[in-house]
């Protein structure tokens, strides 16, 4: 059996942000995907998908490991993490979509 070693290139993060809208009210939105080299960098990269909100309260982040292969990149699901405050509405919406 042959094996290959692929170089690790970091993490690709996708998921859903929990938001406070301008003027109040809670909502959630799918984040723009982003890349980090270390998991500790996730919190500072959570985003509102370029929507524009009063604040980002937290996020549900799906993390994939990224490896370089001969044809580009290969990703592999790693884990889901919860960052900050996540409302029941965001949790329910995430569970319905994923």
PDB file of N, CA and C in Angstrom:
ATOM      1  N   UNK A   1       0.845  -1.188   0.000  1.00  0.00           N
ATOM      2  CA  UNK A   1       0.000   0.000   0.000  1.00  0.00           C
ATOM      3  C   UNK A   1       0.886   1.246   0.000  1.00  0.00           C
ATOM      4  N   UNK A   2       0.625   2.141  -0.935  1.00  0.00           N
ATOM      5  CA  UNK A   2       1.380   3.391  -1.005  1.00  0.00           C
ATOM      6  C   UNK A   2       0.701   4.455  -0.151  1.00  0.00           C
ATOM      7  N   UNK A   3       1.501   5.386   0.312  1.00  0.00           N
ATOM      8  CA  UNK A   3       0.926   6.514   1.056  1.00  0.00           C
ATOM      9  C   UNK A   3       1.631   7.797   0.609  1.00  0.00           C
ATOM     10  N   UNK A   4       0.927   8.905   0.782  1.00  0.00           N
ATOM     11  CA  UNK A   4       1.472  10.216   0.474  1.00  0.00           C
ATOM     12  C   UNK A   4       1.277  11.109   1.681  1.00  0.00           C
ATOM     13  N   UNK A   5       2.197  12.022   1.842  1.00  0.00           N
ATOM     14  CA  UNK A   5       2.087  13.009   2.901  1.00  0.00           C
ATOM     15  C   UNK A   5       1.795  14.355   2.257  1.00  0.00           C
ATOM     16  N   UNK A   6       0.699  14.984   2.685  1.00  0.00           N
ATOM     17  CA  UNK A   6       0.328  16.294   2.159  1.00  0.00           C
ATOM     18  C   UNK A   6       0.674  17.362   3.183  1.00  0.00           C
ATOM     19  N   UNK A   7       1.272  18.467   2.758  1.00  0.00           N
ATOM     20  CA  UNK A   7       1.613  19.526   3.707  1.00  0.00           C
ATOM     21  C   UNK A   7       0.360  20.246   4.218  1.00  0.00           C
ATOM     22  N   UNK A   8       0.321  20.432   5.523  1.00  0.00           N
ATOM     23  CA  UNK A   8      -0.789  21.130   6.188  1.00  0.00           C
ATOM     24  C   UNK A   8      -0.663  22.627   5.935  1.00  0.00           C
ATOM     25  N   UNK A   9      -1.773  23.271   5.529  1.00  0.00           N
ATOM     26  CA  UNK A   9      -1.753  24.691   5.173  1.00  0.00           C
ATOM     27  C   UNK A   9      -2.603  25.570   6.085  1.00  0.00           C
ATOM     28  N   UNK A  10      -3.253  25.000   7.095  1.00  0.00           N
ATOM     29  CA  UNK A  10      -4.060  25.804   8.008  1.00  0.00           C
ATOM     30  C   UNK A  10      -5.491  25.306   8.056  1.00  0.00           C
ATOM     31  N   UNK A  11      -6.396  26.211   8.411  1.00  0.00           N
ATOM     32  CA  UNK A  11      -7.796  25.854   8.600  1.00  0.00           C
ATOM     33  C   UNK A  11      -8.705  26.772   7.784  1.00  0.00           C
ATOM     34  N   UNK A  12      -9.739  26.203   7.191  1.00  0.00           N
ATOM     35  CA  UNK A  12     -10.785  26.975   6.517  1.00  0.00           C
ATOM     36  C   UNK A  12     -11.988  26.963   7.440  1.00  0.00           C
ATOM     37  N   UNK A  13     -12.517  28.150   7.721  1.00  0.00           N
ATOM     38  CA  UNK A  13     -13.623  28.280   8.661  1.00  0.00           C
ATOM     39  C   UNK A  13     -14.854  28.818   7.932  1.00  0.00           C
ATOM     40  N   UNK A  14     -15.968  28.133   8.117  1.00  0.00           N
ATOM     41  CA  UNK A  14     -17.260  28.566   7.603  1.00  0.00           C
ATOM     42  C   UNK A  14     -18.234  28.526   8.769  1.00  0.00           C
ATOM     43  N   UNK A  15     -19.451  28.994   8.562  1.00  0.00           N
ATOM     44  CA  UNK A  15     -20.434  28.889   9.626  1.00  0.00           C
ATOM     45  C   UNK A  15     -21.393  30.055   9.663  1.00  0.00           C
ATOM     46  N   UNK A  16     -21.957  30.284  10.840  1.00  0.00           N
ATOM     47  CA  UNK A  16     -23.026  31.255  11.020  1.00  0.00           C
ATOM     48  C   UNK A  16     -22.730  32.165  12.204  1.00  0.00           C
ATOM     49  N   UNK A  17     -22.882  33.471  11.968  1.00  0.00           N
ATOM     50  CA  UNK A  17     -22.670  34.474  13.021  1.00  0.00           C
ATOM     51  C   UNK A  17     -23.983  34.819  13.699  1.00  0.00           C
ATOM     52  N   UNK A  18     -23.919  35.084  14.994  1.00  0.00           N
ATOM     53  CA  UNK A  18     -25.041  35.600  15.775  1.00  0.00           C
ATOM     54  C   UNK A  18     -24.845  37.113  15.875  1.00  0.00           C
ATOM     55  N   UNK A  19     -25.877  37.896  15.505  1.00  0.00           N
ATOM     56  CA  UNK A  19     -25.728  39.338  15.327  1.00  0.00           C
ATOM     57  C   UNK A  19     -26.739  40.147  16.125  1.00  0.00           C
ATOM     58  N   UNK A  20     -26.380  41.392  16.417  1.00  0.00           N
ATOM     59  CA  UNK A  20     -27.327  42.404  16.870  1.00  0.00           C
ATOM     60  C   UNK A  20     -27.438  43.422  15.741  1.00  0.00           C
ATOM     61  N   UNK A  21     -28.657  43.613  15.252  1.00  0.00           N
ATOM     62  CA  UNK A  21     -28.899  44.521  14.138  1.00  0.00           C
ATOM     63  C   UNK A  21     -28.865  45.969  14.606  1.00  0.00           C
ATOM     64  N   UNK A  22     -28.623  46.898  13.659  1.00  0.00           N
ATOM     65  CA  UNK A  22     -28.716  48.317  13.978  1.00  0.00           C
ATOM     66  C   UNK A  22     -30.147  48.597  14.422  1.00  0.00           C
ATOM     67  N   UNK A  23     -30.314  49.270  15.534  1.00  0.00           N
ATOM     68  CA  UNK A  23     -31.643  49.546  16.063  1.00  0.00           C
ATOM     69  C   UNK A  23     -32.164  48.435  16.960  1.00  0.00           C
ATOM     70  N   UNK A  24     -31.371  47.389  17.155  1.00  0.00           N
ATOM     71  CA  UNK A  24     -31.761  46.299  18.046  1.00  0.00           C
ATOM     72  C   UNK A  24     -32.277  45.093  17.285  1.00  0.00           C
ATOM     73  N   UNK A  25     -32.499  44.058  18.007  1.00  0.00           N
ATOM     74  CA  UNK A  25     -32.979  42.817  17.423  1.00  0.00           C
ATOM     75  C   UNK A  25     -31.848  41.865  17.131  1.00  0.00           C
ATOM     76  N   UNK A  26     -32.136  40.588  17.329  1.00  0.00           N
ATOM     77  CA  UNK A  26     -31.149  39.539  17.113  1.00  0.00           C
ATOM     78  C   UNK A  26     -31.390  38.888  15.757  1.00  0.00           C
ATOM     79  N   UNK A  27     -30.315  38.497  15.094  1.00  0.00           N
ATOM     80  CA  UNK A  27     -30.407  37.810  13.810  1.00  0.00           C
ATOM     81  C   UNK A  27     -29.174  36.928  13.650  1.00  0.00           C
ATOM     82  N   UNK A  28     -29.162  36.165  12.574  1.00  0.00           N
ATOM     83  CA  UNK A  28     -27.984  35.368  12.248  1.00  0.00           C
ATOM     84  C   UNK A  28     -27.771  35.412  10.746  1.00  0.00           C
ATOM     85  N   UNK A  29     -26.540  35.152  10.339  1.00  0.00           N
ATOM     86  CA  UNK A  29     -26.194  35.213   8.917  1.00  0.00           C
ATOM     87  C   UNK A  29     -25.034  34.255   8.664  1.00  0.00           C
ATOM     88  N   UNK A  30     -24.980  33.730   7.456  1.00  0.00           N
ATOM     89  CA  UNK A  30     -23.856  32.879   7.071  1.00  0.00           C
ATOM     90  C   UNK A  30     -22.627  33.762   6.876  1.00  0.00           C
ATOM     91  N   UNK A  31     -21.548  33.384   7.526  1.00  0.00           N
ATOM     92  CA  UNK A  31     -20.300  34.152   7.431  1.00  0.00           C
ATOM     93  C   UNK A  31     -19.629  33.927   6.092  1.00  0.00           C
ATOM     94  N   UNK A  32     -18.810  34.895   5.681  1.00  0.00           N
ATOM     95  CA  UNK A  32     -17.880  34.662   4.587  1.00  0.00           C
ATOM     96  C   UNK A  32     -16.811  33.715   5.121  1.00  0.00           C
ATOM     97  N   UNK A  33     -16.461  32.708   4.344  1.00  0.00           N
ATOM     98  CA  UNK A  33     -15.421  31.770   4.754  1.00  0.00           C
ATOM     99  C   UNK A  33     -14.092  32.501   4.908  1.00  0.00           C
ATOM    100  N   UNK A  34     -13.263  32.020   5.824  1.00  0.00           N
ATOM    101  CA  UNK A  34     -11.942  32.607   6.014  1.00  0.00           C
ATOM    102  C   UNK A  34     -10.925  31.538   6.378  1.00  0.00           C
ATOM    103  N   UNK A  35      -9.657  31.875   6.224  1.00  0.00           N
ATOM    104  CA  UNK A  35      -8.541  30.966   6.481  1.00  0.00           C
ATOM    105  C   UNK A  35      -7.755  31.473   7.690  1.00  0.00           C
ATOM    106  N   UNK A  36      -7.374  30.566   8.575  1.00  0.00           N
ATOM    107  CA  UNK A  36      -6.485  30.903   9.694  1.00  0.00           C
ATOM    108  C   UNK A  36      -5.384  29.855   9.774  1.00  0.00           C
ATOM    109  N   UNK A  37      -4.262  30.261  10.291  1.00  0.00           N
ATOM    110  CA  UNK A  37      -3.155  29.324  10.490  1.00  0.00           C
ATOM    111  C   UNK A  37      -3.253  28.609  11.832  1.00  0.00           C
ATOM    112  N   UNK A  38      -3.871  29.283  12.821  1.00  0.00           N
ATOM    113  CA  UNK A  38      -4.009  28.726  14.165  1.00  0.00           C
ATOM    114  C   UNK A  38      -5.445  28.925  14.643  1.00  0.00           C
ATOM    115  N   UNK A  39      -5.972  27.967  15.369  1.00  0.00           N
ATOM    116  CA  UNK A  39      -7.359  28.058  15.836  1.00  0.00           C
ATOM    117  C   UNK A  39      -7.588  29.267  16.735  1.00  0.00           C
ATOM    118  N   UNK A  40      -6.576  29.741  17.409  1.00  0.00           N
ATOM    119  CA  UNK A  40      -6.738  30.904  18.287  1.00  0.00           C
ATOM    120  C   UNK A  40      -7.078  32.172  17.500  1.00  0.00           C
ATOM    121  N   UNK A  41      -6.909  32.161  16.181  1.00  0.00           N
ATOM    122  CA  UNK A  41      -7.200  33.315  15.340  1.00  0.00           C
ATOM    123  C   UNK A  41      -8.666  33.403  14.909  1.00  0.00           C
ATOM    124  N   UNK A  42      -9.461  32.407  15.237  1.00  0.00           N
ATOM    125  CA  UNK A  42     -10.848  32.364  14.759  1.00  0.00           C
ATOM    126  C   UNK A  42     -11.651  33.547  15.263  1.00  0.00           C
ATOM    127  N   UNK A  43     -11.599  33.816  16.561  1.00  0.00           N
ATOM    128  CA  UNK A  43     -12.434  34.869  17.155  1.00  0.00           C
ATOM    129  C   UNK A  43     -12.277  36.207  16.424  1.00  0.00           C
ATOM    130  N   UNK A  44     -11.071  36.575  16.074  1.00  0.00           N
ATOM    131  CA  UNK A  44     -10.841  37.880  15.447  1.00  0.00           C
ATOM    132  C   UNK A  44     -11.261  37.920  13.974  1.00  0.00           C
ATOM    133  N   UNK A  45     -11.601  36.777  13.384  1.00  0.00           N
ATOM    134  CA  UNK A  45     -11.998  36.733  11.980  1.00  0.00           C
ATOM    135  C   UNK A  45     -13.482  36.469  11.755  1.00  0.00           C
ATOM    136  N   UNK A  46     -14.234  36.269  12.829  1.00  0.00           N
ATOM    137  CA  UNK A  46     -15.682  36.080  12.699  1.00  0.00           C
ATOM    138  C   UNK A  46     -16.254  37.321  12.018  1.00  0.00           C
ATOM    139  N   UNK A  47     -17.193  37.115  11.092  1.00  0.00           N
ATOM    140  CA  UNK A  47     -17.684  38.248  10.312  1.00  0.00           C
ATOM    141  C   UNK A  47     -19.186  38.174  10.074  1.00  0.00           C
ATOM    142  N   UNK A  48     -19.717  39.248   9.507  1.00  0.00           N
ATOM    143  CA  UNK A  48     -21.153  39.358   9.247  1.00  0.00           C
ATOM    144  C   UNK A  48     -21.494  39.170   7.775  1.00  0.00           C
ATOM    145  N   UNK A  49     -20.624  38.511   7.036  1.00  0.00           N
ATOM    146  CA  UNK A  49     -20.875  38.278   5.624  1.00  0.00           C
ATOM    147  C   UNK A  49     -21.020  39.559   4.823  1.00  0.00           C
ATOM    148  N   UNK A  50     -20.372  40.628   5.286  1.00  0.00           N
ATOM    149  CA  UNK A  50     -20.394  41.950   4.662  1.00  0.00           C
ATOM    150  C   UNK A  50     -21.781  42.588   4.701  1.00  0.00           C
ATOM    151  N   UNK A  51     -22.599  42.192   5.680  1.00  0.00           N
ATOM    152  CA  UNK A  51     -23.956  42.726   5.794  1.00  0.00           C
ATOM    153  C   UNK A  51     -23.978  44.089   6.469  1.00  0.00           C
ATOM    154  N   UNK A  52     -23.237  44.241   7.552  1.00  0.00           N
ATOM    155  CA  UNK A  52     -23.204  45.491   8.307  1.00  0.00           C
ATOM    156  C   UNK A  52     -24.185  45.458   9.460  1.00  0.00           C
ATOM    157  N   UNK A  53     -23.682  45.294  10.657  1.00  0.00           N
ATOM    158  CA  UNK A  53     -24.525  45.154  11.842  1.00  0.00           C
ATOM    159  C   UNK A  53     -23.952  45.964  13.001  1.00  0.00           C
ATOM    160  N   UNK A  54     -24.761  46.115  14.045  1.00  0.00           N
ATOM    161  CA  UNK A  54     -24.300  46.829  15.240  1.00  0.00           C
ATOM    162  C   UNK A  54     -23.189  46.049  15.921  1.00  0.00           C
ATOM    163  N   UNK A  55     -23.404  44.734  16.090  1.00  0.00           N
ATOM    164  CA  UNK A  55     -22.362  43.920  16.727  1.00  0.00           C
ATOM    165  C   UNK A  55     -22.494  42.458  16.326  1.00  0.00           C
ATOM    166  N   UNK A  56     -21.371  41.777  16.404  1.00  0.00           N
ATOM    167  CA  UNK A  56     -21.329  40.331  16.210  1.00  0.00           C
ATOM    168  C   UNK A  56     -21.149  39.728  17.595  1.00  0.00           C
ATOM    169  N   UNK A  57     -22.136  38.951  18.022  1.00  0.00           N
ATOM    170  CA  UNK A  57     -22.145  38.411  19.382  1.00  0.00           C
ATOM    171  C   UNK A  57     -21.339  37.120  19.511  1.00  0.00           C
ATOM    172  N   UNK A  58     -21.309  36.340  18.457  1.00  0.00           N
ATOM    173  CA  UNK A  58     -20.620  35.053  18.467  1.00  0.00           C
ATOM    174  C   UNK A  58     -20.840  34.353  17.146  1.00  0.00           C
ATOM    175  N   UNK A  59     -20.426  33.091  17.097  1.00  0.00           N
ATOM    176  CA  UNK A  59     -20.582  32.335  15.855  1.00  0.00           C
ATOM    177  C   UNK A  59     -20.475  30.844  16.105  1.00  0.00           C
ATOM    178  N   UNK A  60     -21.110  30.102  15.222  1.00  0.00           N
ATOM    179  CA  UNK A  60     -20.934  28.652  15.155  1.00  0.00           C
ATOM    180  C   UNK A  60     -20.001  28.426  13.971  1.00  0.00           C
ATOM    181  N   UNK A  61     -18.827  27.868  14.243  1.00  0.00           N
ATOM    182  CA  UNK A  61     -17.775  27.765  13.229  1.00  0.00           C
ATOM    183  C   UNK A  61     -17.482  26.311  12.884  1.00  0.00           C
ATOM    184  N   UNK A  62     -17.634  25.985  11.606  1.00  0.00           N
ATOM    185  CA  UNK A  62     -17.252  24.669  11.103  1.00  0.00           C
ATOM    186  C   UNK A  62     -15.817  24.778  10.593  1.00  0.00           C
ATOM    187  N   UNK A  63     -14.952  23.955  11.144  1.00  0.00           N
ATOM    188  CA  UNK A  63     -13.528  24.042  10.852  1.00  0.00           C
ATOM    189  C   UNK A  63     -13.102  22.852  10.008  1.00  0.00           C
ATOM    190  N   UNK A  64     -12.399  23.160   8.930  1.00  0.00           N
ATOM    191  CA  UNK A  64     -11.840  22.139   8.047  1.00  0.00           C
ATOM    192  C   UNK A  64     -10.324  22.309   7.990  1.00  0.00           C
ATOM    193  N   UNK A  65      -9.601  21.211   8.058  1.00  0.00           N
ATOM    194  CA  UNK A  65      -8.155  21.252   7.865  1.00  0.00           C
ATOM    195  C   UNK A  65      -7.888  21.376   6.372  1.00  0.00           C
ATOM    196  N   UNK A  66      -6.894  22.178   6.014  1.00  0.00           N
ATOM    197  CA  UNK A  66      -6.547  22.393   4.606  1.00  0.00           C
ATOM    198  C   UNK A  66      -5.144  21.828   4.359  1.00  0.00           C
ATOM    199  N   UNK A  67      -5.058  21.014   3.302  1.00  0.00           N
ATOM    200  CA  UNK A  67      -3.784  20.420   2.896  1.00  0.00           C
ATOM    201  C   UNK A  67      -3.523  20.785   1.446  1.00  0.00           C
ATOM    202  N   UNK A  68      -2.260  20.908   1.088  1.00  0.00           N
ATOM    203  CA  UNK A  68      -1.870  21.179  -0.301  1.00  0.00           C
ATOM    204  C   UNK A  68      -1.656  19.854  -1.004  1.00  0.00           C
ATOM    205  N   UNK A  69      -2.248  19.708  -2.199  1.00  0.00           N
ATOM    206  CA  UNK A  69      -1.948  18.532  -3.001  1.00  0.00           C
ATOM    207  C   UNK A  69      -1.516  18.988  -4.386  1.00  0.00           C
ATOM    208  N   UNK A  70      -1.247  18.072  -5.270  1.00  0.00           N
ATOM    209  CA  UNK A  70      -0.736  18.412  -6.590  1.00  0.00           C
ATOM    210  C   UNK A  70      -1.701  19.191  -7.457  1.00  0.00           C
ATOM    211  N   UNK A  71      -2.978  19.196  -7.105  1.00  0.00           N
ATOM    212  CA  UNK A  71      -3.998  19.850  -7.924  1.00  0.00           C
ATOM    213  C   UNK A  71      -4.640  21.038  -7.222  1.00  0.00           C
ATOM    214  N   UNK A  72      -4.069  21.508  -6.146  1.00  0.00           N
ATOM    215  CA  UNK A  72      -4.654  22.621  -5.402  1.00  0.00           C
ATOM    216  C   UNK A  72      -4.703  22.290  -3.923  1.00  0.00           C
ATOM    217  N   UNK A  73      -5.921  22.353  -3.377  1.00  0.00           N
ATOM    218  CA  UNK A  73      -6.067  22.097  -1.946  1.00  0.00           C
ATOM    219  C   UNK A  73      -7.079  20.986  -1.691  1.00  0.00           C
ATOM    220  N   UNK A  74      -6.838  20.275  -0.620  1.00  0.00           N
ATOM    221  CA  UNK A  74      -7.725  19.220  -0.144  1.00  0.00           C
ATOM    222  C   UNK A  74      -8.186  19.634   1.248  1.00  0.00           C
ATOM    223  N   UNK A  75      -9.492  19.601   1.515  1.00  0.00           N
ATOM    224  CA  UNK A  75      -9.988  19.955   2.848  1.00  0.00           C
ATOM    225  C   UNK A  75     -10.651  18.756   3.489  1.00  0.00           C
ATOM    226  N   UNK A  76     -10.575  18.731   4.815  1.00  0.00           N
ATOM    227  CA  UNK A  76     -11.120  17.627   5.596  1.00  0.00           C
ATOM    228  C   UNK A  76     -11.793  18.210   6.841  1.00  0.00           C
ATOM    229  N   UNK A  77     -13.070  17.864   7.077  1.00  0.00           N
ATOM    230  CA  UNK A  77     -13.774  18.383   8.249  1.00  0.00           C
ATOM    231  C   UNK A  77     -13.003  18.007   9.510  1.00  0.00           C
ATOM    232  N   UNK A  78     -12.877  18.979  10.417  1.00  0.00           N
ATOM    233  CA  UNK A  78     -12.157  18.761  11.666  1.00  0.00           C
ATOM    234  C   UNK A  78     -13.114  18.787  12.855  1.00  0.00           C
ATOM    235  N   UNK A  79     -13.819  19.922  13.060  1.00  0.00           N
ATOM    236  CA  UNK A  79     -14.762  20.016  14.168  1.00  0.00           C
ATOM    237  C   UNK A  79     -15.566  21.305  14.062  1.00  0.00           C
ATOM    238  N   UNK A  80     -16.611  21.391  14.883  1.00  0.00           N
ATOM    239  CA  UNK A  80     -17.428  22.601  14.998  1.00  0.00           C
ATOM    240  C   UNK A  80     -17.194  23.194  16.381  1.00  0.00           C
ATOM    241  N   UNK A  81     -16.988  24.517  16.421  1.00  0.00           N
ATOM    242  CA  UNK A  81     -16.785  25.200  17.692  1.00  0.00           C
ATOM    243  C   UNK A  81     -17.778  26.353  17.818  1.00  0.00           C
ATOM    244  N   UNK A  82     -18.098  26.692  19.055  1.00  0.00           N
ATOM    245  CA  UNK A  82     -19.000  27.795  19.365  1.00  0.00           C
ATOM    246  C   UNK A  82     -18.172  28.894  20.007  1.00  0.00           C
ATOM    247  N   UNK A  83     -18.274  30.095  19.453  1.00  0.00           N
ATOM    248  CA  UNK A  83     -17.480  31.223  19.918  1.00  0.00           C
ATOM    249  C   UNK A  83     -18.423  32.319  20.388  1.00  0.00           C
ATOM    250  N   UNK A  84     -18.212  32.836  21.595  1.00  0.00           N
ATOM    251  CA  UNK A  84     -19.031  33.939  22.099  1.00  0.00           C
ATOM    252  C   UNK A  84     -20.445  33.503  22.439  1.00  0.00           C
ATOM    253  N   UNK A  85     -21.373  34.460  22.333  1.00  0.00           N
ATOM    254  CA  UNK A  85     -22.774  34.223  22.682  1.00  0.00           C
ATOM    255  C   UNK A  85     -23.548  33.787  21.433  1.00  0.00           C
ATOM    256  N   UNK A  86     -24.249  32.676  21.565  1.00  0.00           N
ATOM    257  CA  UNK A  86     -25.055  32.129  20.475  1.00  0.00           C
ATOM    258  C   UNK A  86     -26.499  32.068  20.959  1.00  0.00           C
ATOM    259  N   UNK A  87     -27.406  32.755  20.274  1.00  0.00           N
ATOM    260  CA  UNK A  87     -28.819  32.749  20.667  1.00  0.00           C
ATOM    261  C   UNK A  87     -29.481  31.434  20.247  1.00  0.00           C
ATOM    262  N   UNK A  88     -30.623  31.143  20.856  1.00  0.00           N
ATOM    263  CA  UNK A  88     -31.398  29.962  20.471  1.00  0.00           C
ATOM    264  C   UNK A  88     -31.800  30.051  19.001  1.00  0.00           C
ATOM    265  N   UNK A  89     -32.144  31.259  18.535  1.00  0.00           N
ATOM    266  CA  UNK A  89     -32.524  31.459  17.139  1.00  0.00           C
ATOM    267  C   UNK A  89     -31.389  31.052  16.200  1.00  0.00           C
ATOM    268  N   UNK A  90     -30.178  31.481  16.497  1.00  0.00           N
ATOM    269  CA  UNK A  90     -29.030  31.130  15.657  1.00  0.00           C
ATOM    270  C   UNK A  90     -28.771  29.634  15.705  1.00  0.00           C
ATOM    271  N   UNK A  91     -28.851  29.053  16.879  1.00  0.00           N
ATOM    272  CA  UNK A  91     -28.622  27.608  17.022  1.00  0.00           C
ATOM    273  C   UNK A  91     -29.657  26.815  16.221  1.00  0.00           C
ATOM    274  N   UNK A  92     -30.925  27.218  16.307  1.00  0.00           N
ATOM    275  CA  UNK A  92     -31.983  26.520  15.582  1.00  0.00           C
ATOM    276  C   UNK A  92     -31.809  26.679  14.067  1.00  0.00           C
ATOM    277  N   UNK A  93     -31.482  27.870  13.610  1.00  0.00           N
ATOM    278  CA  UNK A  93     -31.274  28.113  12.181  1.00  0.00           C
ATOM    279  C   UNK A  93     -30.097  27.299  11.668  1.00  0.00           C
ATOM    280  N   UNK A  94     -29.005  27.271  12.409  1.00  0.00           N
ATOM    281  CA  UNK A  94     -27.826  26.486  12.025  1.00  0.00           C
ATOM    282  C   UNK A  94     -28.195  25.011  11.911  1.00  0.00           C
ATOM    283  N   UNK A  95     -28.900  24.488  12.913  1.00  0.00           N
ATOM    284  CA  UNK A  95     -29.272  23.062  12.908  1.00  0.00           C
ATOM    285  C   UNK A  95     -30.202  22.714  11.752  1.00  0.00           C
ATOM    286  N   UNK A  96     -31.061  23.635  11.346  1.00  0.00           N
ATOM    287  CA  UNK A  96     -31.962  23.393  10.219  1.00  0.00           C
ATOM    288  C   UNK A  96     -31.194  23.371   8.896  1.00  0.00           C
ATOM    289  N   UNK A  97     -30.154  24.178   8.782  1.00  0.00           N
ATOM    290  CA  UNK A  97     -29.414  24.294   7.517  1.00  0.00           C
ATOM    291  C   UNK A  97     -28.300  23.276   7.373  1.00  0.00           C
ATOM    292  N   UNK A  98     -27.753  22.814   8.480  1.00  0.00           N
ATOM    293  CA  UNK A  98     -26.619  21.903   8.411  1.00  0.00           C
ATOM    294  C   UNK A  98     -27.026  20.588   9.013  1.00  0.00           C
TER     295      UNK A  98
END
